[in-house]
N, C-alpha and C. Protein backbone atom coordinates (compact mmCIF):
# COMPACT_ATOMS: atom_id res chain seq x y z
N MET A 1 0.83 -1.19 0.01
CA MET A 1 0.00 0.00 0.00
C MET A 1 0.87 1.26 0.01
N ILE A 2 2.05 1.18 0.60
CA ILE A 2 2.93 2.31 0.68
C ILE A 2 3.34 2.80 -0.70
N PHE A 3 3.52 1.88 -1.67
CA PHE A 3 3.91 2.28 -3.03
C PHE A 3 2.77 3.02 -3.72
N LEU A 4 1.55 2.57 -3.50
CA LEU A 4 0.37 3.21 -4.10
C LEU A 4 0.26 4.65 -3.58
N ILE A 5 0.35 4.81 -2.28
CA ILE A 5 0.24 6.14 -1.68
C ILE A 5 1.41 7.02 -2.10
N ALA A 6 2.63 6.45 -2.11
CA ALA A 6 3.81 7.21 -2.55
C ALA A 6 3.64 7.67 -3.99
N GLY A 7 3.10 6.83 -4.83
CA GLY A 7 2.87 7.17 -6.24
C GLY A 7 1.85 8.31 -6.37
N LEU A 8 0.76 8.25 -5.60
CA LEU A 8 -0.24 9.33 -5.61
C LEU A 8 0.36 10.64 -5.11
N LEU A 9 1.16 10.57 -4.05
CA LEU A 9 1.74 11.79 -3.52
C LEU A 9 2.76 12.38 -4.50
N LEU A 10 3.56 11.53 -5.15
CA LEU A 10 4.53 12.01 -6.13
C LEU A 10 3.80 12.64 -7.31
N TRP A 11 2.76 11.96 -7.82
CA TRP A 11 1.96 12.47 -8.94
C TRP A 11 1.42 13.86 -8.60
N SER A 12 0.85 13.97 -7.41
CA SER A 12 0.25 15.25 -6.99
C SER A 12 1.29 16.33 -6.85
N ALA A 13 2.39 16.02 -6.20
CA ALA A 13 3.45 17.02 -5.98
C ALA A 13 4.01 17.52 -7.32
N ILE A 14 4.21 16.61 -8.25
CA ILE A 14 4.75 17.00 -9.56
C ILE A 14 3.80 17.95 -10.26
N HIS A 15 2.51 17.63 -10.22
CA HIS A 15 1.54 18.44 -10.93
C HIS A 15 1.20 19.73 -10.19
N PHE A 16 1.31 19.75 -8.86
CA PHE A 16 1.05 20.99 -8.10
C PHE A 16 2.25 21.94 -8.15
N PHE A 17 3.41 21.43 -8.43
CA PHE A 17 4.66 22.20 -8.38
C PHE A 17 4.57 23.50 -9.22
N PRO A 18 4.13 23.46 -10.49
CA PRO A 18 4.11 24.71 -11.25
C PRO A 18 3.22 25.80 -10.65
N ALA A 19 2.15 25.39 -9.98
CA ALA A 19 1.26 26.39 -9.40
C ALA A 19 1.70 26.87 -8.04
N LEU A 20 2.38 25.99 -7.29
CA LEU A 20 2.74 26.32 -5.91
C LEU A 20 4.18 26.83 -5.76
N ALA A 21 5.03 26.54 -6.73
CA ALA A 21 6.43 26.95 -6.65
C ALA A 21 6.84 27.65 -7.94
N VAL A 22 6.15 28.72 -8.27
CA VAL A 22 6.34 29.41 -9.53
C VAL A 22 7.77 29.88 -9.72
N GLN A 23 8.35 30.52 -8.71
CA GLN A 23 9.72 31.03 -8.82
C GLN A 23 10.73 29.90 -8.89
N THR A 24 10.55 28.88 -8.10
CA THR A 24 11.47 27.72 -8.12
C THR A 24 11.43 27.07 -9.50
N ARG A 25 10.26 26.93 -10.06
CA ARG A 25 10.12 26.36 -11.39
C ARG A 25 10.87 27.24 -12.41
N ALA A 26 10.67 28.52 -12.36
CA ALA A 26 11.36 29.42 -13.26
C ALA A 26 12.89 29.33 -13.10
N ASN A 27 13.35 29.23 -11.86
CA ASN A 27 14.78 29.10 -11.60
C ASN A 27 15.33 27.81 -12.18
N LEU A 28 14.59 26.72 -12.06
CA LEU A 28 15.02 25.43 -12.60
C LEU A 28 15.13 25.49 -14.13
N ILE A 29 14.13 26.10 -14.74
CA ILE A 29 14.13 26.22 -16.21
C ILE A 29 15.31 27.09 -16.66
N THR A 30 15.54 28.18 -15.95
CA THR A 30 16.68 29.05 -16.31
C THR A 30 17.99 28.31 -16.15
N ARG A 31 18.12 27.56 -15.09
CA ARG A 31 19.39 26.88 -14.78
C ARG A 31 19.66 25.67 -15.70
N TYR A 32 18.62 24.85 -15.96
CA TYR A 32 18.84 23.63 -16.72
C TYR A 32 18.26 23.65 -18.12
N GLY A 33 17.41 24.62 -18.42
CA GLY A 33 16.77 24.69 -19.74
C GLY A 33 15.43 23.98 -19.73
N GLN A 34 14.55 24.42 -20.63
CA GLN A 34 13.19 23.87 -20.75
C GLN A 34 13.18 22.37 -21.05
N PRO A 35 14.01 21.90 -22.03
CA PRO A 35 13.97 20.45 -22.34
C PRO A 35 14.38 19.59 -21.16
N SER A 36 15.41 19.99 -20.45
CA SER A 36 15.86 19.20 -19.29
C SER A 36 14.82 19.22 -18.19
N TYR A 37 14.22 20.39 -17.96
CA TYR A 37 13.16 20.50 -16.94
C TYR A 37 12.02 19.56 -17.28
N LYS A 38 11.54 19.65 -18.54
CA LYS A 38 10.42 18.80 -18.95
C LYS A 38 10.76 17.35 -18.89
N GLY A 39 11.97 17.00 -19.32
CA GLY A 39 12.41 15.60 -19.26
C GLY A 39 12.47 15.05 -17.87
N PHE A 40 12.96 15.83 -16.94
CA PHE A 40 13.03 15.38 -15.55
C PHE A 40 11.64 15.18 -14.96
N PHE A 41 10.76 16.14 -15.23
CA PHE A 41 9.39 15.99 -14.71
C PHE A 41 8.63 14.84 -15.39
N ALA A 42 8.91 14.62 -16.69
CA ALA A 42 8.29 13.46 -17.36
C ALA A 42 8.77 12.16 -16.71
N LEU A 43 10.05 12.12 -16.36
CA LEU A 43 10.58 10.93 -15.69
C LEU A 43 9.92 10.73 -14.32
N LEU A 44 9.74 11.81 -13.61
CA LEU A 44 9.07 11.73 -12.30
C LEU A 44 7.60 11.27 -12.44
N ILE A 45 6.93 11.74 -13.49
CA ILE A 45 5.55 11.31 -13.74
C ILE A 45 5.51 9.81 -14.03
N ILE A 46 6.42 9.34 -14.86
CA ILE A 46 6.49 7.92 -15.16
C ILE A 46 6.73 7.13 -13.88
N CYS A 47 7.65 7.60 -13.02
CA CYS A 47 7.92 6.92 -11.76
C CYS A 47 6.67 6.90 -10.89
N SER A 48 5.90 7.97 -10.86
CA SER A 48 4.68 7.99 -10.04
C SER A 48 3.67 6.99 -10.55
N ILE A 49 3.55 6.88 -11.85
CA ILE A 49 2.60 5.89 -12.43
C ILE A 49 3.04 4.47 -12.10
N VAL A 50 4.32 4.22 -12.27
CA VAL A 50 4.87 2.87 -11.93
C VAL A 50 4.60 2.56 -10.47
N LEU A 51 4.83 3.51 -9.58
CA LEU A 51 4.56 3.29 -8.15
C LEU A 51 3.09 3.00 -7.90
N MET A 52 2.20 3.77 -8.57
CA MET A 52 0.77 3.53 -8.37
C MET A 52 0.34 2.17 -8.88
N VAL A 53 0.78 1.81 -10.06
CA VAL A 53 0.38 0.51 -10.65
C VAL A 53 0.95 -0.62 -9.79
N TYR A 54 2.23 -0.54 -9.46
CA TYR A 54 2.84 -1.58 -8.64
C TYR A 54 2.16 -1.68 -7.27
N GLY A 55 1.93 -0.50 -6.68
CA GLY A 55 1.28 -0.47 -5.37
C GLY A 55 -0.13 -1.07 -5.42
N TRP A 56 -0.88 -0.73 -6.44
CA TRP A 56 -2.26 -1.25 -6.56
C TRP A 56 -2.25 -2.75 -6.76
N ARG A 57 -1.35 -3.20 -7.63
CA ARG A 57 -1.30 -4.66 -7.92
C ARG A 57 -0.73 -5.48 -6.80
N SER A 58 0.11 -4.89 -5.96
CA SER A 58 0.80 -5.64 -4.90
C SER A 58 -0.05 -5.87 -3.64
N VAL A 59 -1.21 -5.24 -3.60
CA VAL A 59 -2.08 -5.35 -2.42
C VAL A 59 -3.34 -6.15 -2.80
N ASP A 60 -3.64 -7.12 -1.95
CA ASP A 60 -4.89 -7.89 -2.16
C ASP A 60 -6.08 -6.99 -1.82
N ALA A 61 -7.09 -7.06 -2.66
CA ALA A 61 -8.25 -6.20 -2.50
C ALA A 61 -9.06 -6.60 -1.28
N MET A 62 -9.46 -5.60 -0.51
CA MET A 62 -10.33 -5.83 0.66
C MET A 62 -11.59 -4.99 0.41
N LEU A 63 -12.73 -5.69 0.32
CA LEU A 63 -13.98 -4.99 -0.03
C LEU A 63 -14.41 -4.04 1.11
N ILE A 64 -14.64 -2.81 0.72
CA ILE A 64 -15.12 -1.77 1.66
C ILE A 64 -16.62 -1.55 1.48
N TYR A 65 -17.08 -1.54 0.22
CA TYR A 65 -18.48 -1.41 -0.07
C TYR A 65 -18.82 -2.20 -1.32
N GLN A 66 -20.05 -2.62 -1.41
CA GLN A 66 -20.53 -3.41 -2.54
C GLN A 66 -21.09 -2.46 -3.60
N PRO A 67 -20.53 -2.44 -4.80
CA PRO A 67 -21.07 -1.56 -5.85
C PRO A 67 -22.51 -1.99 -6.20
N PHE A 68 -23.28 -1.02 -6.63
CA PHE A 68 -24.65 -1.27 -7.05
C PHE A 68 -24.65 -2.09 -8.33
N ALA A 69 -25.76 -2.71 -8.66
CA ALA A 69 -25.86 -3.49 -9.89
C ALA A 69 -25.64 -2.64 -11.15
N TRP A 70 -26.03 -1.39 -11.09
CA TRP A 70 -25.92 -0.49 -12.23
C TRP A 70 -24.58 0.21 -12.31
N SER A 71 -23.71 -0.01 -11.33
CA SER A 71 -22.46 0.74 -11.24
C SER A 71 -21.52 0.52 -12.43
N LYS A 72 -21.38 -0.72 -12.88
CA LYS A 72 -20.47 -0.96 -14.00
C LYS A 72 -20.94 -0.27 -15.27
N GLY A 73 -22.24 -0.31 -15.53
CA GLY A 73 -22.79 0.38 -16.71
C GLY A 73 -22.55 1.88 -16.64
N ALA A 74 -22.75 2.44 -15.45
CA ALA A 74 -22.49 3.87 -15.27
C ALA A 74 -21.00 4.19 -15.45
N ALA A 75 -20.15 3.27 -14.98
CA ALA A 75 -18.71 3.49 -15.13
C ALA A 75 -18.32 3.50 -16.62
N TYR A 76 -18.91 2.62 -17.40
CA TYR A 76 -18.61 2.61 -18.84
C TYR A 76 -18.96 3.94 -19.48
N VAL A 77 -20.10 4.47 -19.13
CA VAL A 77 -20.57 5.75 -19.69
C VAL A 77 -19.65 6.89 -19.24
N LEU A 78 -19.32 6.92 -17.97
CA LEU A 78 -18.45 8.00 -17.46
C LEU A 78 -17.06 7.95 -18.05
N VAL A 79 -16.53 6.74 -18.25
CA VAL A 79 -15.19 6.66 -18.85
C VAL A 79 -15.25 7.00 -20.35
N LEU A 80 -16.33 6.65 -21.03
CA LEU A 80 -16.48 7.10 -22.41
C LEU A 80 -16.46 8.62 -22.49
N LEU A 81 -17.23 9.28 -21.60
CA LEU A 81 -17.20 10.74 -21.55
C LEU A 81 -15.81 11.28 -21.23
N THR A 82 -15.08 10.54 -20.42
CA THR A 82 -13.71 10.93 -20.10
C THR A 82 -12.87 11.02 -21.35
N PHE A 83 -12.94 9.99 -22.20
CA PHE A 83 -12.14 9.98 -23.41
C PHE A 83 -12.54 11.09 -24.37
N ILE A 84 -13.81 11.37 -24.45
CA ILE A 84 -14.27 12.47 -25.27
C ILE A 84 -13.72 13.78 -24.74
N LEU A 85 -13.74 13.97 -23.43
CA LEU A 85 -13.23 15.22 -22.83
C LEU A 85 -11.71 15.33 -22.99
N PHE A 86 -11.01 14.20 -22.93
CA PHE A 86 -9.56 14.24 -23.16
C PHE A 86 -9.25 14.72 -24.58
N VAL A 87 -10.00 14.21 -25.53
CA VAL A 87 -9.79 14.64 -26.94
C VAL A 87 -10.23 16.12 -27.08
N ALA A 88 -11.29 16.50 -26.45
CA ALA A 88 -11.79 17.88 -26.54
C ALA A 88 -10.77 18.86 -26.00
N ALA A 89 -9.98 18.43 -25.00
CA ALA A 89 -8.99 19.33 -24.42
C ALA A 89 -7.89 19.72 -25.43
N LYS A 90 -7.68 18.87 -26.42
CA LYS A 90 -6.61 19.08 -27.38
C LYS A 90 -7.11 19.65 -28.73
N ARG A 91 -8.42 19.90 -28.85
CA ARG A 91 -8.99 20.35 -30.11
C ARG A 91 -9.80 21.62 -29.88
N ARG A 92 -10.10 22.32 -30.97
CA ARG A 92 -11.02 23.47 -30.90
C ARG A 92 -12.43 22.91 -30.90
N THR A 93 -13.11 22.98 -29.80
CA THR A 93 -14.49 22.44 -29.71
C THR A 93 -15.35 23.40 -28.90
N ASN A 94 -16.65 23.21 -29.02
CA ASN A 94 -17.60 23.96 -28.23
C ASN A 94 -17.64 23.42 -26.79
N ILE A 95 -17.13 22.24 -26.58
CA ILE A 95 -17.06 21.69 -25.21
C ILE A 95 -16.25 22.63 -24.35
N LYS A 96 -15.21 23.23 -24.91
CA LYS A 96 -14.38 24.17 -24.15
C LYS A 96 -15.11 25.47 -23.81
N ARG A 97 -16.24 25.67 -24.45
CA ARG A 97 -17.06 26.84 -24.07
C ARG A 97 -17.90 26.54 -22.85
N ILE A 98 -18.08 25.23 -22.56
CA ILE A 98 -18.86 24.81 -21.41
C ILE A 98 -17.96 24.50 -20.23
N LEU A 99 -16.82 23.81 -20.53
CA LEU A 99 -15.89 23.39 -19.48
C LEU A 99 -14.54 24.09 -19.69
N ARG A 100 -14.07 24.73 -18.64
CA ARG A 100 -12.78 25.39 -18.72
C ARG A 100 -11.65 24.37 -18.75
N HIS A 101 -11.83 23.27 -18.09
CA HIS A 101 -10.79 22.25 -17.97
C HIS A 101 -11.34 20.88 -18.36
N PRO A 102 -11.60 20.62 -19.65
CA PRO A 102 -12.23 19.35 -20.03
C PRO A 102 -11.42 18.12 -19.63
N GLN A 103 -10.09 18.18 -19.74
CA GLN A 103 -9.29 17.01 -19.41
C GLN A 103 -9.37 16.71 -17.91
N LEU A 104 -9.23 17.70 -17.07
CA LEU A 104 -9.33 17.46 -15.62
C LEU A 104 -10.75 17.06 -15.20
N CYS A 105 -11.77 17.63 -15.86
CA CYS A 105 -13.14 17.18 -15.62
C CYS A 105 -13.30 15.71 -16.02
N GLY A 106 -12.65 15.32 -17.12
CA GLY A 106 -12.65 13.92 -17.54
C GLY A 106 -11.98 13.02 -16.49
N VAL A 107 -10.89 13.48 -15.91
CA VAL A 107 -10.24 12.69 -14.85
C VAL A 107 -11.19 12.50 -13.68
N ILE A 108 -11.94 13.52 -13.30
CA ILE A 108 -12.89 13.41 -12.22
C ILE A 108 -13.98 12.39 -12.57
N LEU A 109 -14.50 12.45 -13.82
CA LEU A 109 -15.51 11.47 -14.24
C LEU A 109 -14.91 10.05 -14.23
N TRP A 110 -13.68 9.91 -14.69
CA TRP A 110 -12.98 8.61 -14.70
C TRP A 110 -12.88 8.06 -13.27
N SER A 111 -12.50 8.91 -12.36
CA SER A 111 -12.36 8.45 -10.97
C SER A 111 -13.70 8.09 -10.38
N ILE A 112 -14.74 8.86 -10.64
CA ILE A 112 -16.10 8.54 -10.15
C ILE A 112 -16.57 7.21 -10.73
N GLY A 113 -16.35 7.04 -12.03
CA GLY A 113 -16.77 5.77 -12.68
C GLY A 113 -16.07 4.59 -12.04
N HIS A 114 -14.79 4.70 -11.79
CA HIS A 114 -14.05 3.59 -11.19
C HIS A 114 -14.45 3.39 -9.74
N LEU A 115 -14.77 4.46 -9.02
CA LEU A 115 -15.25 4.31 -7.64
C LEU A 115 -16.62 3.62 -7.60
N LEU A 116 -17.44 3.92 -8.59
CA LEU A 116 -18.76 3.25 -8.67
C LEU A 116 -18.61 1.74 -8.92
N ALA A 117 -17.65 1.38 -9.77
CA ALA A 117 -17.51 -0.02 -10.17
C ALA A 117 -16.65 -0.86 -9.25
N ASN A 118 -15.83 -0.23 -8.39
CA ASN A 118 -14.89 -0.95 -7.55
C ASN A 118 -15.10 -0.56 -6.11
N GLY A 119 -15.33 -1.51 -5.23
CA GLY A 119 -15.55 -1.21 -3.85
C GLY A 119 -14.44 -1.60 -2.92
N ASP A 120 -13.26 -1.92 -3.45
CA ASP A 120 -12.15 -2.35 -2.60
C ASP A 120 -11.31 -1.17 -2.13
N HIS A 121 -10.54 -1.38 -1.06
CA HIS A 121 -9.80 -0.31 -0.45
C HIS A 121 -8.69 0.26 -1.34
N ARG A 122 -8.04 -0.58 -2.12
CA ARG A 122 -6.96 -0.05 -2.96
C ARG A 122 -7.52 0.81 -4.08
N SER A 123 -8.69 0.42 -4.63
CA SER A 123 -9.34 1.23 -5.64
C SER A 123 -9.86 2.53 -5.06
N LEU A 124 -10.35 2.47 -3.86
CA LEU A 124 -10.86 3.68 -3.19
C LEU A 124 -9.68 4.68 -3.03
N ILE A 125 -8.53 4.20 -2.59
CA ILE A 125 -7.38 5.09 -2.41
C ILE A 125 -6.93 5.66 -3.75
N LEU A 126 -6.77 4.78 -4.75
CA LEU A 126 -6.25 5.22 -6.06
C LEU A 126 -7.22 6.20 -6.74
N PHE A 127 -8.46 5.78 -6.93
CA PHE A 127 -9.37 6.59 -7.73
C PHE A 127 -9.88 7.83 -6.99
N ALA A 128 -10.09 7.75 -5.68
CA ALA A 128 -10.45 8.94 -4.93
C ALA A 128 -9.27 9.89 -4.87
N GLY A 129 -8.07 9.34 -4.73
CA GLY A 129 -6.88 10.19 -4.69
C GLY A 129 -6.68 10.95 -6.01
N ILE A 130 -6.82 10.26 -7.12
CA ILE A 130 -6.69 10.93 -8.43
C ILE A 130 -7.79 11.94 -8.64
N GLY A 131 -9.04 11.60 -8.21
CA GLY A 131 -10.14 12.53 -8.37
C GLY A 131 -9.97 13.80 -7.54
N VAL A 132 -9.51 13.65 -6.29
CA VAL A 132 -9.24 14.81 -5.44
C VAL A 132 -8.11 15.66 -6.03
N TRP A 133 -7.06 14.98 -6.52
CA TRP A 133 -5.97 15.71 -7.18
C TRP A 133 -6.50 16.57 -8.30
N ALA A 134 -7.35 16.00 -9.19
CA ALA A 134 -7.87 16.74 -10.34
C ALA A 134 -8.69 17.93 -9.91
N LEU A 135 -9.51 17.76 -8.90
CA LEU A 135 -10.31 18.87 -8.39
C LEU A 135 -9.43 20.00 -7.82
N LEU A 136 -8.43 19.62 -7.06
CA LEU A 136 -7.49 20.62 -6.52
C LEU A 136 -6.70 21.30 -7.62
N GLU A 137 -6.33 20.53 -8.64
CA GLU A 137 -5.59 21.07 -9.78
C GLU A 137 -6.43 22.14 -10.50
N ILE A 138 -7.70 21.89 -10.66
CA ILE A 138 -8.62 22.89 -11.27
C ILE A 138 -8.60 24.16 -10.45
N ILE A 139 -8.71 24.02 -9.15
CA ILE A 139 -8.75 25.19 -8.27
C ILE A 139 -7.44 25.97 -8.38
N LEU A 140 -6.31 25.26 -8.35
CA LEU A 140 -5.00 25.95 -8.43
C LEU A 140 -4.82 26.63 -9.79
N ILE A 141 -5.18 25.96 -10.84
CA ILE A 141 -5.03 26.56 -12.18
C ILE A 141 -5.93 27.80 -12.31
N ASN A 142 -7.16 27.70 -11.84
CA ASN A 142 -8.05 28.88 -11.89
C ASN A 142 -7.51 30.04 -11.10
N ARG A 143 -6.93 29.73 -9.94
CA ARG A 143 -6.36 30.80 -9.11
C ARG A 143 -5.18 31.47 -9.80
N ARG A 144 -4.36 30.64 -10.42
CA ARG A 144 -3.15 31.16 -11.11
C ARG A 144 -3.51 31.91 -12.41
N ALA A 145 -4.46 31.37 -13.18
CA ALA A 145 -4.78 31.90 -14.51
C ALA A 145 -5.77 33.08 -14.45
N GLY A 146 -6.53 33.21 -13.40
CA GLY A 146 -7.49 34.31 -13.32
C GLY A 146 -8.77 34.00 -14.04
N ALA A 147 -9.45 35.09 -14.46
CA ALA A 147 -10.78 34.95 -15.07
C ALA A 147 -10.70 34.15 -16.38
N TRP A 148 -11.77 33.43 -16.62
CA TRP A 148 -11.84 32.56 -17.79
C TRP A 148 -12.40 33.32 -18.96
N ALA A 149 -11.67 33.30 -20.06
CA ALA A 149 -12.14 33.87 -21.31
C ALA A 149 -12.59 32.72 -22.18
N LYS A 150 -13.91 32.59 -22.35
CA LYS A 150 -14.45 31.48 -23.13
C LYS A 150 -14.01 31.61 -24.60
N PRO A 151 -13.66 30.48 -25.20
CA PRO A 151 -13.26 30.55 -26.61
C PRO A 151 -14.47 30.82 -27.49
N GLU A 152 -14.18 31.26 -28.69
CA GLU A 152 -15.22 31.52 -29.69
C GLU A 152 -15.89 30.22 -30.13
N PRO A 153 -17.13 30.26 -30.56
CA PRO A 153 -17.81 29.07 -31.05
C PRO A 153 -17.09 28.50 -32.28
N VAL A 154 -17.17 27.20 -32.44
CA VAL A 154 -16.61 26.55 -33.62
C VAL A 154 -17.75 25.71 -34.25
N PRO A 155 -17.58 25.29 -35.48
CA PRO A 155 -18.62 24.48 -36.12
C PRO A 155 -18.86 23.17 -35.34
N VAL A 156 -20.10 22.74 -35.32
CA VAL A 156 -20.49 21.52 -34.61
C VAL A 156 -19.74 20.32 -35.15
N ARG A 157 -19.31 20.39 -36.37
CA ARG A 157 -18.55 19.30 -36.98
C ARG A 157 -17.31 18.95 -36.13
N SER A 158 -16.67 19.96 -35.56
CA SER A 158 -15.49 19.75 -34.71
C SER A 158 -15.87 18.93 -33.48
N ASP A 159 -17.04 19.20 -32.91
CA ASP A 159 -17.51 18.44 -31.73
C ASP A 159 -17.81 17.00 -32.12
N LEU A 160 -18.42 16.81 -33.28
CA LEU A 160 -18.76 15.44 -33.76
C LEU A 160 -17.46 14.64 -33.98
N ILE A 161 -16.48 15.28 -34.59
CA ILE A 161 -15.18 14.58 -34.81
C ILE A 161 -14.55 14.24 -33.46
N THR A 162 -14.65 15.13 -32.50
CA THR A 162 -14.12 14.89 -31.17
C THR A 162 -14.79 13.68 -30.53
N VAL A 163 -16.11 13.59 -30.65
CA VAL A 163 -16.86 12.46 -30.10
C VAL A 163 -16.44 11.14 -30.77
N VAL A 164 -16.28 11.18 -32.07
CA VAL A 164 -15.88 9.97 -32.80
C VAL A 164 -14.47 9.52 -32.38
N ILE A 165 -13.53 10.45 -32.34
CA ILE A 165 -12.16 10.10 -31.95
C ILE A 165 -12.13 9.59 -30.52
N GLY A 166 -12.82 10.27 -29.61
CA GLY A 166 -12.89 9.85 -28.21
C GLY A 166 -13.50 8.47 -28.07
N THR A 167 -14.53 8.18 -28.82
CA THR A 167 -15.19 6.87 -28.79
C THR A 167 -14.26 5.77 -29.29
N ILE A 168 -13.54 6.04 -30.35
CA ILE A 168 -12.60 5.06 -30.90
C ILE A 168 -11.51 4.77 -29.87
N LEU A 169 -10.94 5.83 -29.29
CA LEU A 169 -9.91 5.64 -28.26
C LEU A 169 -10.43 4.86 -27.09
N TYR A 170 -11.66 5.18 -26.66
CA TYR A 170 -12.31 4.45 -25.54
C TYR A 170 -12.43 2.97 -25.87
N LEU A 171 -12.86 2.64 -27.06
CA LEU A 171 -13.03 1.24 -27.46
C LEU A 171 -11.70 0.49 -27.49
N VAL A 172 -10.67 1.17 -27.93
CA VAL A 172 -9.34 0.56 -27.96
C VAL A 172 -8.86 0.28 -26.54
N VAL A 173 -8.97 1.29 -25.68
CA VAL A 173 -8.51 1.11 -24.30
C VAL A 173 -9.40 0.10 -23.55
N LEU A 174 -10.69 0.08 -23.85
CA LEU A 174 -11.57 -0.92 -23.26
C LEU A 174 -11.12 -2.33 -23.60
N LYS A 175 -10.74 -2.52 -24.83
CA LYS A 175 -10.26 -3.83 -25.29
C LYS A 175 -8.93 -4.19 -24.61
N LEU A 176 -8.07 -3.18 -24.42
CA LEU A 176 -6.75 -3.42 -23.82
C LEU A 176 -6.74 -3.31 -22.31
N HIS A 177 -7.83 -2.91 -21.72
CA HIS A 177 -7.88 -2.68 -20.24
C HIS A 177 -7.32 -3.81 -19.43
N PRO A 178 -7.70 -5.06 -19.68
CA PRO A 178 -7.14 -6.16 -18.87
C PRO A 178 -5.63 -6.26 -18.95
N TYR A 179 -5.07 -5.91 -20.08
CA TYR A 179 -3.62 -5.99 -20.27
C TYR A 179 -2.92 -4.77 -19.66
N LEU A 180 -3.56 -3.62 -19.74
CA LEU A 180 -2.99 -2.38 -19.22
C LEU A 180 -3.05 -2.31 -17.71
N SER A 181 -4.17 -2.74 -17.14
CA SER A 181 -4.39 -2.57 -15.70
C SER A 181 -4.35 -3.89 -14.93
N GLY A 182 -4.50 -4.98 -15.61
CA GLY A 182 -4.57 -6.26 -14.89
C GLY A 182 -5.96 -6.54 -14.32
N ALA A 183 -6.89 -5.62 -14.56
CA ALA A 183 -8.23 -5.76 -13.98
C ALA A 183 -9.21 -6.15 -15.11
N THR A 184 -10.00 -7.19 -14.88
CA THR A 184 -11.01 -7.55 -15.84
C THR A 184 -12.19 -6.60 -15.73
N LEU A 185 -12.98 -6.51 -16.78
CA LEU A 185 -14.08 -5.56 -16.80
C LEU A 185 -15.44 -6.17 -16.47
N ILE A 186 -15.53 -7.46 -16.44
CA ILE A 186 -16.83 -8.06 -16.17
C ILE A 186 -16.78 -8.89 -14.91
């Protein structure tokens, strides 16, 4: 369990760093350069993911609550929406006119979906931890960035393409989920 928690803490610290240590970040970039800074932080992110995956897999699941019968179906829908929001974050879409942070909102939906479908303690720690991180990240980014300037409308075609791409990615990851996570879906 210590590896799972360490991974979550490392993930959070890495992502909170730009908002909470602005001057230190700037000093590191000045001293080592942007590519080295980004490379080091990418390495730390990979380490945090490895710690979380290893930590989650190394602990036997202990049931804390029994998911509802409809929970897995709801999880599938929420995770599908997650993939659409992840794609929307990287494209010009009208979704960004509704959500300031589509990718982080997607992470929150992903965590809620997984909390609905999994009632064990290790899942509770992992998915609640990532969900709380995403919520705090939204707050920190909003505080740092100030008022939100909504983007201009774009043709609905862009939103439809976003939904199609997100759905395709979702189906691919759904198929690979047992291999990526070690967890079966049914």
